[in-house]
Amino acid sequence: MSLNNMKYCILPTLEIDNINFAKVVEFRDTLRYSIDGSEFILKYEGTKPETLKDYTSLDHKVIIEFINNPANGWINIE
């Protein structure tokens, strides 16, 4: 598993029960959630799972930049 091969999707928390965790590189109890809990990040490697087809895939560099921007609601710098 290489970070260069990982793809990430941001999903609304309401979709969590629709995820087939056997098809992604995550466990339900290790997901990263936005500060307000309304979204979570899911990562996968290889072919995009069918349950993620409606979500934009981001590479490692882009997801890191996204979550490190406090305006996006994933970190609190206070």
PDB file of N, CA and C in Angstrom:
ATOM      1  N   MET A   1       0.853  -1.176   0.000  1.00  0.00           N
ATOM      2  CA  MET A   1       0.000   0.000   0.000  1.00  0.00           C
ATOM      3  C   MET A   1       0.896   1.235   0.000  1.00  0.00           C
ATOM      4  N   SER A   2       0.809   2.017  -1.048  1.00  0.00           N
ATOM      5  CA  SER A   2       1.591   3.238  -1.193  1.00  0.00           C
ATOM      6  C   SER A   2       0.658   4.439  -1.225  1.00  0.00           C
ATOM      7  N   LEU A   3       1.065   5.509  -0.558  1.00  0.00           N
ATOM      8  CA  LEU A   3       0.237   6.716  -0.567  1.00  0.00           C
ATOM      9  C   LEU A   3       0.050   7.249  -1.980  1.00  0.00           C
ATOM     10  N   ASN A   4       1.012   6.982  -2.863  1.00  0.00           N
ATOM     11  CA  ASN A   4       0.886   7.430  -4.252  1.00  0.00           C
ATOM     12  C   ASN A   4      -0.247   6.728  -4.988  1.00  0.00           C
ATOM     13  N   ASN A   5      -0.617   5.546  -4.525  1.00  0.00           N
ATOM     14  CA  ASN A   5      -1.685   4.779  -5.165  1.00  0.00           C
ATOM     15  C   ASN A   5      -3.045   4.987  -4.513  1.00  0.00           C
ATOM     16  N   MET A   6      -3.058   5.622  -3.358  1.00  0.00           N
ATOM     17  CA  MET A   6      -4.304   5.840  -2.627  1.00  0.00           C
ATOM     18  C   MET A   6      -5.151   6.926  -3.280  1.00  0.00           C
ATOM     19  N   LYS A   7      -6.438   6.713  -3.246  1.00  0.00           N
ATOM     20  CA  LYS A   7      -7.417   7.725  -3.662  1.00  0.00           C
ATOM     21  C   LYS A   7      -8.352   7.931  -2.485  1.00  0.00           C
ATOM     22  N   TYR A   8      -8.886   9.123  -2.375  1.00  0.00           N
ATOM     23  CA  TYR A   8      -9.705   9.501  -1.230  1.00  0.00           C
ATOM     24  C   TYR A   8     -11.006  10.115  -1.715  1.00  0.00           C
ATOM     25  N   CYS A   9     -12.068   9.852  -1.011  1.00  0.00           N
ATOM     26  CA  CYS A   9     -13.365  10.461  -1.282  1.00  0.00           C
ATOM     27  C   CYS A   9     -13.908  11.022   0.029  1.00  0.00           C
ATOM     28  N   ILE A  10     -14.594  12.140  -0.077  1.00  0.00           N
ATOM     29  CA  ILE A  10     -15.261  12.730   1.077  1.00  0.00           C
ATOM     30  C   ILE A  10     -16.746  12.467   0.908  1.00  0.00           C
ATOM     31  N   LEU A  11     -17.324  11.836   1.909  1.00  0.00           N
ATOM     32  CA  LEU A  11     -18.730  11.448   1.860  1.00  0.00           C
ATOM     33  C   LEU A  11     -19.494  12.025   3.042  1.00  0.00           C
ATOM     34  N   PRO A  12     -20.792  12.249   2.848  1.00  0.00           N
ATOM     35  CA  PRO A  12     -21.619  12.649   3.984  1.00  0.00           C
ATOM     36  C   PRO A  12     -21.757  11.478   4.962  1.00  0.00           C
ATOM     37  N   THR A  13     -21.733  11.764   6.224  1.00  0.00           N
ATOM     38  CA  THR A  13     -21.822  10.732   7.259  1.00  0.00           C
ATOM     39  C   THR A  13     -23.092   9.891   7.112  1.00  0.00           C
ATOM     40  N   LEU A  14     -24.131  10.463   6.575  1.00  0.00           N
ATOM     41  CA  LEU A  14     -25.376   9.710   6.372  1.00  0.00           C
ATOM     42  C   LEU A  14     -25.183   8.499   5.448  1.00  0.00           C
ATOM     43  N   GLU A  15     -24.127   8.485   4.663  1.00  0.00           N
ATOM     44  CA  GLU A  15     -23.869   7.386   3.719  1.00  0.00           C
ATOM     45  C   GLU A  15     -23.072   6.229   4.315  1.00  0.00           C
ATOM     46  N   ILE A  16     -22.668   6.339   5.553  1.00  0.00           N
ATOM     47  CA  ILE A  16     -21.748   5.348   6.128  1.00  0.00           C
ATOM     48  C   ILE A  16     -22.290   3.923   6.076  1.00  0.00           C
ATOM     49  N   ASP A  17     -23.575   3.729   6.237  1.00  0.00           N
ATOM     50  CA  ASP A  17     -24.137   2.374   6.214  1.00  0.00           C
ATOM     51  C   ASP A  17     -24.190   1.776   4.813  1.00  0.00           C
ATOM     52  N   ASN A  18     -23.950   2.591   3.796  1.00  0.00           N
ATOM     53  CA  ASN A  18     -23.954   2.107   2.414  1.00  0.00           C
ATOM     54  C   ASN A  18     -22.576   1.666   1.930  1.00  0.00           C
ATOM     55  N   ILE A  19     -21.568   1.798   2.770  1.00  0.00           N
ATOM     56  CA  ILE A  19     -20.199   1.481   2.376  1.00  0.00           C
ATOM     57  C   ILE A  19     -19.895   0.009   2.618  1.00  0.00           C
ATOM     58  N   ASN A  20     -19.325  -0.619   1.602  1.00  0.00           N
ATOM     59  CA  ASN A  20     -18.824  -1.982   1.732  1.00  0.00           C
ATOM     60  C   ASN A  20     -17.355  -1.859   2.143  1.00  0.00           C
ATOM     61  N   PHE A  21     -17.082  -1.997   3.420  1.00  0.00           N
ATOM     62  CA  PHE A  21     -15.735  -1.785   3.927  1.00  0.00           C
ATOM     63  C   PHE A  21     -14.741  -2.838   3.448  1.00  0.00           C
ATOM     64  N   ALA A  22     -15.209  -3.904   2.865  1.00  0.00           N
ATOM     65  CA  ALA A  22     -14.313  -4.900   2.275  1.00  0.00           C
ATOM     66  C   ALA A  22     -13.682  -4.389   0.981  1.00  0.00           C
ATOM     67  N   LYS A  23     -14.250  -3.341   0.407  1.00  0.00           N
ATOM     68  CA  LYS A  23     -13.777  -2.805  -0.869  1.00  0.00           C
ATOM     69  C   LYS A  23     -12.905  -1.559  -0.717  1.00  0.00           C
ATOM     70  N   VAL A  24     -12.666  -1.116   0.505  1.00  0.00           N
ATOM     71  CA  VAL A  24     -11.876   0.095   0.746  1.00  0.00           C
ATOM     72  C   VAL A  24     -10.756  -0.204   1.736  1.00  0.00           C
ATOM     73  N   VAL A  25      -9.851   0.752   1.869  1.00  0.00           N
ATOM     74  CA  VAL A  25      -8.708   0.601   2.773  1.00  0.00           C
ATOM     75  C   VAL A  25      -9.024   1.363   4.069  1.00  0.00           C
ATOM     76  N   GLU A  26     -10.062   0.962   4.732  1.00  0.00           N
ATOM     77  CA  GLU A  26     -10.515   1.622   5.955  1.00  0.00           C
ATOM     78  C   GLU A  26     -11.302   0.626   6.795  1.00  0.00           C
ATOM     79  N   PHE A  27     -11.434   0.974   8.041  1.00  0.00           N
ATOM     80  CA  PHE A  27     -12.352   0.299   8.949  1.00  0.00           C
ATOM     81  C   PHE A  27     -13.308   1.363   9.464  1.00  0.00           C
ATOM     82  N   ARG A  28     -14.496   0.979   9.723  1.00  0.00           N
ATOM     83  CA  ARG A  28     -15.505   1.935  10.188  1.00  0.00           C
ATOM     84  C   ARG A  28     -15.031   2.720  11.414  1.00  0.00           C
ATOM     85  N   ASP A  29     -14.327   2.060  12.313  1.00  0.00           N
ATOM     86  CA  ASP A  29     -13.908   2.730  13.546  1.00  0.00           C
ATOM     87  C   ASP A  29     -12.608   3.527  13.425  1.00  0.00           C
ATOM     88  N   THR A  30     -12.018   3.590  12.219  1.00  0.00           N
ATOM     89  CA  THR A  30     -10.806   4.386  12.034  1.00  0.00           C
ATOM     90  C   THR A  30     -11.001   5.532  11.038  1.00  0.00           C
ATOM     91  N   LEU A  31     -12.230   5.798  10.671  1.00  0.00           N
ATOM     92  CA  LEU A  31     -12.504   6.870   9.711  1.00  0.00           C
ATOM     93  C   LEU A  31     -12.167   8.236  10.298  1.00  0.00           C
ATOM     94  N   ARG A  32     -11.785   9.150   9.442  1.00  0.00           N
ATOM     95  CA  ARG A  32     -11.551  10.526   9.852  1.00  0.00           C
ATOM     96  C   ARG A  32     -12.800  11.329   9.522  1.00  0.00           C
ATOM     97  N   TYR A  33     -13.316  12.032  10.524  1.00  0.00           N
ATOM     98  CA  TYR A  33     -14.532  12.832  10.377  1.00  0.00           C
ATOM     99  C   TYR A  33     -14.205  14.317  10.410  1.00  0.00           C
ATOM    100  N   SER A  34     -15.033  15.096   9.727  1.00  0.00           N
ATOM    101  CA  SER A  34     -14.920  16.544   9.811  1.00  0.00           C
ATOM    102  C   SER A  34     -15.227  16.977  11.239  1.00  0.00           C
ATOM    103  N   ILE A  35     -14.837  18.181  11.588  1.00  0.00           N
ATOM    104  CA  ILE A  35     -15.044  18.672  12.952  1.00  0.00           C
ATOM    105  C   ILE A  35     -16.501  18.571  13.370  1.00  0.00           C
ATOM    106  N   ASP A  36     -17.410  18.922  12.479  1.00  0.00           N
ATOM    107  CA  ASP A  36     -18.835  18.880  12.837  1.00  0.00           C
ATOM    108  C   ASP A  36     -19.463  17.487  12.678  1.00  0.00           C
ATOM    109  N   GLY A  37     -18.677  16.520  12.209  1.00  0.00           N
ATOM    110  CA  GLY A  37     -19.157  15.150  12.080  1.00  0.00           C
ATOM    111  C   GLY A  37     -20.058  14.890  10.891  1.00  0.00           C
ATOM    112  N   SER A  38     -20.208  15.865  10.021  1.00  0.00           N
ATOM    113  CA  SER A  38     -21.131  15.715   8.893  1.00  0.00           C
ATOM    114  C   SER A  38     -20.540  14.960   7.699  1.00  0.00           C
ATOM    115  N   GLU A  39     -19.205  14.816   7.669  1.00  0.00           N
ATOM    116  CA  GLU A  39     -18.543  14.156   6.543  1.00  0.00           C
ATOM    117  C   GLU A  39     -17.416  13.270   7.071  1.00  0.00           C
ATOM    118  N   PHE A  40     -17.019  12.313   6.251  1.00  0.00           N
ATOM    119  CA  PHE A  40     -15.862  11.481   6.573  1.00  0.00           C
ATOM    120  C   PHE A  40     -15.063  11.217   5.314  1.00  0.00           C
ATOM    121  N   ILE A  41     -13.811  10.843   5.509  1.00  0.00           N
ATOM    122  CA  ILE A  41     -12.910  10.544   4.396  1.00  0.00           C
ATOM    123  C   ILE A  41     -12.759   9.037   4.300  1.00  0.00           C
ATOM    124  N   LEU A  42     -12.871   8.553   3.081  1.00  0.00           N
ATOM    125  CA  LEU A  42     -12.724   7.129   2.806  1.00  0.00           C
ATOM    126  C   LEU A  42     -11.621   6.967   1.778  1.00  0.00           C
ATOM    127  N   LYS A  43     -10.723   6.029   1.998  1.00  0.00           N
ATOM    128  CA  LYS A  43      -9.660   5.820   1.019  1.00  0.00           C
ATOM    129  C   LYS A  43      -9.765   4.431   0.401  1.00  0.00           C
ATOM    130  N   TYR A  44      -9.295   4.370  -0.835  1.00  0.00           N
ATOM    131  CA  TYR A  44      -9.286   3.094  -1.551  1.00  0.00           C
ATOM    132  C   TYR A  44      -8.059   3.050  -2.446  1.00  0.00           C
ATOM    133  N   GLU A  45      -7.754   1.857  -2.910  1.00  0.00           N
ATOM    134  CA  GLU A  45      -6.628   1.653  -3.802  1.00  0.00           C
ATOM    135  C   GLU A  45      -7.115   0.848  -4.996  1.00  0.00           C
ATOM    136  N   GLY A  46      -6.631   1.201  -6.178  1.00  0.00           N
ATOM    137  CA  GLY A  46      -7.040   0.462  -7.375  1.00  0.00           C
ATOM    138  C   GLY A  46      -8.337   0.995  -7.947  1.00  0.00           C
ATOM    139  N   THR A  47      -9.189   0.090  -8.386  1.00  0.00           N
ATOM    140  CA  THR A  47     -10.451   0.452  -9.009  1.00  0.00           C
ATOM    141  C   THR A  47     -11.399   1.072  -7.996  1.00  0.00           C
ATOM    142  N   LYS A  48     -12.050   2.134  -8.400  1.00  0.00           N
ATOM    143  CA  LYS A  48     -12.991   2.839  -7.525  1.00  0.00           C
ATOM    144  C   LYS A  48     -14.198   1.939  -7.242  1.00  0.00           C
ATOM    145  N   PRO A  49     -14.489   1.714  -5.962  1.00  0.00           N
ATOM    146  CA  PRO A  49     -15.655   0.894  -5.616  1.00  0.00           C
ATOM    147  C   PRO A  49     -16.961   1.524  -6.119  1.00  0.00           C
ATOM    148  N   GLU A  50     -17.885   0.705  -6.488  1.00  0.00           N
ATOM    149  CA  GLU A  50     -19.176   1.152  -7.033  1.00  0.00           C
ATOM    150  C   GLU A  50     -19.896   2.112  -6.084  1.00  0.00           C
ATOM    151  N   THR A  51     -19.799   1.873  -4.792  1.00  0.00           N
ATOM    152  CA  THR A  51     -20.502   2.734  -3.828  1.00  0.00           C
ATOM    153  C   THR A  51     -19.925   4.149  -3.776  1.00  0.00           C
ATOM    154  N   LEU A  52     -18.763   4.360  -4.396  1.00  0.00           N
ATOM    155  CA  LEU A  52     -18.138   5.690  -4.403  1.00  0.00           C
ATOM    156  C   LEU A  52     -18.272   6.395  -5.750  1.00  0.00           C
ATOM    157  N   LYS A  53     -18.998   5.798  -6.675  1.00  0.00           N
ATOM    158  CA  LYS A  53     -19.046   6.322  -8.046  1.00  0.00           C
ATOM    159  C   LYS A  53     -19.549   7.756  -8.150  1.00  0.00           C
ATOM    160  N   ASP A  54     -20.370   8.192  -7.225  1.00  0.00           N
ATOM    161  CA  ASP A  54     -20.924   9.544  -7.286  1.00  0.00           C
ATOM    162  C   ASP A  54     -20.054  10.586  -6.586  1.00  0.00           C
ATOM    163  N   TYR A  55     -18.889  10.169  -6.078  1.00  0.00           N
ATOM    164  CA  TYR A  55     -18.025  11.079  -5.317  1.00  0.00           C
ATOM    165  C   TYR A  55     -16.701  11.299  -6.042  1.00  0.00           C
ATOM    166  N   THR A  56     -16.186  12.499  -5.914  1.00  0.00           N
ATOM    167  CA  THR A  56     -14.915  12.864  -6.533  1.00  0.00           C
ATOM    168  C   THR A  56     -13.769  12.156  -5.831  1.00  0.00           C
ATOM    169  N   SER A  57     -12.857  11.603  -6.616  1.00  0.00           N
ATOM    170  CA  SER A  57     -11.656  10.981  -6.071  1.00  0.00           C
ATOM    171  C   SER A  57     -10.529  12.006  -6.028  1.00  0.00           C
ATOM    172  N   LEU A  58      -9.836  12.036  -4.911  1.00  0.00           N
ATOM    173  CA  LEU A  58      -8.723  12.965  -4.719  1.00  0.00           C
ATOM    174  C   LEU A  58      -7.461  12.159  -4.452  1.00  0.00           C
ATOM    175  N   ASP A  59      -6.306  12.662  -4.929  1.00  0.00           N
ATOM    176  CA  ASP A  59      -5.061  11.968  -4.619  1.00  0.00           C
ATOM    177  C   ASP A  59      -4.545  12.432  -3.257  1.00  0.00           C
ATOM    178  N   HIS A  60      -3.472  11.818  -2.798  1.00  0.00           N
ATOM    179  CA  HIS A  60      -2.970  12.078  -1.449  1.00  0.00           C
ATOM    180  C   HIS A  60      -2.607  13.546  -1.237  1.00  0.00           C
ATOM    181  N   LYS A  61      -1.911  14.123  -2.181  1.00  0.00           N
ATOM    182  CA  LYS A  61      -1.489  15.523  -2.046  1.00  0.00           C
ATOM    183  C   LYS A  61      -2.700  16.451  -1.908  1.00  0.00           C
ATOM    184  N   VAL A  62      -3.703  16.237  -2.719  1.00  0.00           N
ATOM    185  CA  VAL A  62      -4.894  17.097  -2.710  1.00  0.00           C
ATOM    186  C   VAL A  62      -5.681  16.941  -1.407  1.00  0.00           C
ATOM    187  N   ILE A  63      -5.854  15.711  -0.929  1.00  0.00           N
ATOM    188  CA  ILE A  63      -6.624  15.520   0.305  1.00  0.00           C
ATOM    189  C   ILE A  63      -5.893  16.131   1.499  1.00  0.00           C
ATOM    190  N   ILE A  64      -4.570  16.033   1.533  1.00  0.00           N
ATOM    191  CA  ILE A  64      -3.801  16.632   2.628  1.00  0.00           C
ATOM    192  C   ILE A  64      -3.950  18.146   2.607  1.00  0.00           C
ATOM    193  N   GLU A  65      -3.849  18.748   1.439  1.00  0.00           N
ATOM    194  CA  GLU A  65      -4.034  20.200   1.331  1.00  0.00           C
ATOM    195  C   GLU A  65      -5.448  20.594   1.762  1.00  0.00           C
ATOM    196  N   PHE A  66      -6.423  19.800   1.367  1.00  0.00           N
ATOM    197  CA  PHE A  66      -7.810  20.094   1.699  1.00  0.00           C
ATOM    198  C   PHE A  66      -8.059  20.047   3.204  1.00  0.00           C
ATOM    199  N   ILE A  67      -7.640  18.966   3.857  1.00  0.00           N
ATOM    200  CA  ILE A  67      -7.930  18.843   5.290  1.00  0.00           C
ATOM    201  C   ILE A  67      -7.069  19.771   6.140  1.00  0.00           C
ATOM    202  N   ASN A  68      -5.934  20.215   5.627  1.00  0.00           N
ATOM    203  CA  ASN A  68      -5.084  21.138   6.384  1.00  0.00           C
ATOM    204  C   ASN A  68      -5.493  22.597   6.240  1.00  0.00           C
ATOM    205  N   ASN A  69      -6.515  22.863   5.468  1.00  0.00           N
ATOM    206  CA  ASN A  69      -7.053  24.221   5.347  1.00  0.00           C
ATOM    207  C   ASN A  69      -8.199  24.350   6.353  1.00  0.00           C
ATOM    208  N   PRO A  70      -8.000  25.154   7.410  1.00  0.00           N
ATOM    209  CA  PRO A  70      -9.037  25.272   8.448  1.00  0.00           C
ATOM    210  C   PRO A  70     -10.409  25.689   7.916  1.00  0.00           C
ATOM    211  N   ALA A  71     -10.443  26.389   6.809  1.00  0.00           N
ATOM    212  CA  ALA A  71     -11.714  26.841   6.235  1.00  0.00           C
ATOM    213  C   ALA A  71     -12.576  25.671   5.758  1.00  0.00           C
ATOM    214  N   ASN A  72     -11.972  24.507   5.555  1.00  0.00           N
ATOM    215  CA  ASN A  72     -12.724  23.350   5.061  1.00  0.00           C
ATOM    216  C   ASN A  72     -13.359  22.512   6.170  1.00  0.00           C
ATOM    217  N   GLY A  73     -13.065  22.837   7.425  1.00  0.00           N
ATOM    218  CA  GLY A  73     -13.747  22.187   8.535  1.00  0.00           C
ATOM    219  C   GLY A  73     -13.198  20.864   9.008  1.00  0.00           C
ATOM    220  N   TRP A  74     -11.915  20.589   8.731  1.00  0.00           N
ATOM    221  CA  TRP A  74     -11.336  19.316   9.167  1.00  0.00           C
ATOM    222  C   TRP A  74     -10.346  19.490  10.303  1.00  0.00           C
ATOM    223  N   ILE A  75      -9.820  20.696  10.488  1.00  0.00           N
ATOM    224  CA  ILE A  75      -8.919  20.979  11.602  1.00  0.00           C
ATOM    225  C   ILE A  75      -9.326  22.276  12.258  1.00  0.00           C
ATOM    226  N   ASN A  76      -8.985  22.368  13.516  1.00  0.00           N
ATOM    227  CA  ASN A  76      -9.278  23.581  14.285  1.00  0.00           C
ATOM    228  C   ASN A  76      -7.933  24.121  14.761  1.00  0.00           C
ATOM    229  N   ILE A  77      -7.605  25.349  14.408  1.00  0.00           N
ATOM    230  CA  ILE A  77      -6.291  25.894  14.765  1.00  0.00           C
ATOM    231  C   ILE A  77      -6.320  26.775  16.010  1.00  0.00           C
ATOM    232  N   GLU A  78      -7.396  26.769  16.736  1.00  0.00           N
ATOM    233  CA  GLU A  78      -7.478  27.590  17.950  1.00  0.00           C
ATOM    234  C   GLU A  78      -6.635  27.036  19.053  1.00  0.00           C
TER     235      GLU A  78
END
